[in-house]
Amino acid sequence: MQSAEKMATNLLANRLATLESQGFVAKEVAADKRSKFTYRLTEKGLDLLPLLLEITLWGPK
């Protein structure tokens, strides 16, 4: 809840786990701290970028 997004860590962890299980992100152990993880978009996740951009542009309309 202290992050800029104001999201509880358990909710964030659940959403990241769902995205990982669906193949949109890949989870990796951080190089600097083994108890920390980083996430990156997979090819499947990158394929969604044009769609997300269009939705973002359409939203304010």
C-alpha atoms as a PDB file:
ATOM      1  CA  MET A   1       0.000   0.000   0.000  1.00  0.00           C
ATOM      2  CA  GLN A   2       3.009   2.299   0.267  1.00  0.00           C
ATOM      3  CA  SER A   3       3.720   2.178  -3.454  1.00  0.00           C
ATOM      4  CA  ALA A   4       2.571   4.882  -5.838  1.00  0.00           C
ATOM      5  CA  GLU A   5      -0.142   2.532  -7.117  1.00  0.00           C
ATOM      6  CA  LYS A   6      -1.582   2.008  -3.592  1.00  0.00           C
ATOM      7  CA  MET A   7      -2.025  -1.710  -4.254  1.00  0.00           C
ATOM      8  CA  ALA A   8      -1.807  -4.324  -1.520  1.00  0.00           C
ATOM      9  CA  THR A   9       1.117  -6.702  -2.027  1.00  0.00           C
ATOM     10  CA  ASN A  10      -1.085  -9.807  -1.910  1.00  0.00           C
ATOM     11  CA  LEU A  11      -3.289  -8.415  -4.688  1.00  0.00           C
ATOM     12  CA  LEU A  12      -0.264  -7.488  -6.791  1.00  0.00           C
ATOM     13  CA  ALA A  13       1.295 -10.933  -6.248  1.00  0.00           C
ATOM     14  CA  ASN A  14      -1.970 -12.600  -7.268  1.00  0.00           C
ATOM     15  CA  ARG A  15      -2.262 -10.544 -10.456  1.00  0.00           C
ATOM     16  CA  LEU A  16       1.372 -11.157 -11.397  1.00  0.00           C
ATOM     17  CA  ALA A  17       0.929 -14.893 -10.792  1.00  0.00           C
ATOM     18  CA  THR A  18      -2.116 -14.884 -13.083  1.00  0.00           C
ATOM     19  CA  LEU A  19      -0.230 -13.005 -15.811  1.00  0.00           C
ATOM     20  CA  GLU A  20       2.666 -15.439 -15.455  1.00  0.00           C
ATOM     21  CA  SER A  21       0.419 -18.512 -15.621  1.00  0.00           C
ATOM     22  CA  GLN A  22      -1.198 -17.144 -18.787  1.00  0.00           C
ATOM     23  CA  GLY A  23       2.215 -16.538 -20.382  1.00  0.00           C
ATOM     24  CA  PHE A  24       2.105 -12.727 -20.532  1.00  0.00           C
ATOM     25  CA  VAL A  25       5.051 -12.134 -18.170  1.00  0.00           C
ATOM     26  CA  ALA A  26       8.100 -14.113 -17.073  1.00  0.00           C
ATOM     27  CA  LYS A  27       9.329 -14.051 -13.473  1.00  0.00           C
ATOM     28  CA  GLU A  28      13.060 -13.918 -12.775  1.00  0.00           C
ATOM     29  CA  VAL A  29      15.136 -13.717  -9.602  1.00  0.00           C
ATOM     30  CA  ALA A  30      16.712 -10.273  -9.288  1.00  0.00           C
ATOM     31  CA  ALA A  31      20.459 -10.166  -9.764  1.00  0.00           C
ATOM     32  CA  ASP A  32      21.049  -7.964  -6.712  1.00  0.00           C
ATOM     33  CA  LYS A  33      18.791  -9.717  -4.174  1.00  0.00           C
ATOM     34  CA  ARG A  34      17.692 -13.358  -4.321  1.00  0.00           C
ATOM     35  CA  SER A  35      14.472 -12.689  -2.391  1.00  0.00           C
ATOM     36  CA  LYS A  36      13.390 -10.113  -4.982  1.00  0.00           C
ATOM     37  CA  PHE A  37      11.813 -10.879  -8.345  1.00  0.00           C
ATOM     38  CA  THR A  38      11.597  -8.961 -11.581  1.00  0.00           C
ATOM     39  CA  TYR A  39       9.014  -9.463 -14.303  1.00  0.00           C
ATOM     40  CA  ARG A  40       9.348  -8.938 -18.020  1.00  0.00           C
ATOM     41  CA  LEU A  41       6.879  -9.149 -20.849  1.00  0.00           C
ATOM     42  CA  THR A  42       7.045 -12.278 -22.960  1.00  0.00           C
ATOM     43  CA  GLU A  43       6.425 -12.305 -26.708  1.00  0.00           C
ATOM     44  CA  LYS A  44       2.764 -12.953 -25.939  1.00  0.00           C
ATOM     45  CA  GLY A  45       2.708  -9.923 -23.631  1.00  0.00           C
ATOM     46  CA  LEU A  46       4.468  -7.743 -26.192  1.00  0.00           C
ATOM     47  CA  ASP A  47       1.880  -8.739 -28.800  1.00  0.00           C
ATOM     48  CA  LEU A  48      -0.750  -6.962 -26.657  1.00  0.00           C
ATOM     49  CA  LEU A  49       0.991  -3.574 -26.698  1.00  0.00           C
ATOM     50  CA  PRO A  50      -0.705  -2.255 -29.874  1.00  0.00           C
ATOM     51  CA  LEU A  51      -4.108  -3.251 -28.481  1.00  0.00           C
ATOM     52  CA  LEU A  52      -3.421  -1.630 -25.097  1.00  0.00           C
ATOM     53  CA  LEU A  53      -2.242   1.546 -26.808  1.00  0.00           C
ATOM     54  CA  GLU A  54      -5.451   1.737 -28.846  1.00  0.00           C
ATOM     55  CA  ILE A  55      -7.592   1.181 -25.737  1.00  0.00           C
ATOM     56  CA  THR A  56      -5.630   3.896 -23.915  1.00  0.00           C
ATOM     57  CA  LEU A  57      -6.234   6.326 -26.778  1.00  0.00           C
ATOM     58  CA  TRP A  58      -9.903   5.363 -27.042  1.00  0.00           C
ATOM     59  CA  GLY A  59     -10.611   5.632 -23.279  1.00  0.00           C
ATOM     60  CA  PRO A  60     -10.787   9.429 -22.972  1.00  0.00           C
ATOM     61  CA  LYS A  61     -13.211   9.630 -25.893  1.00  0.00           C
END
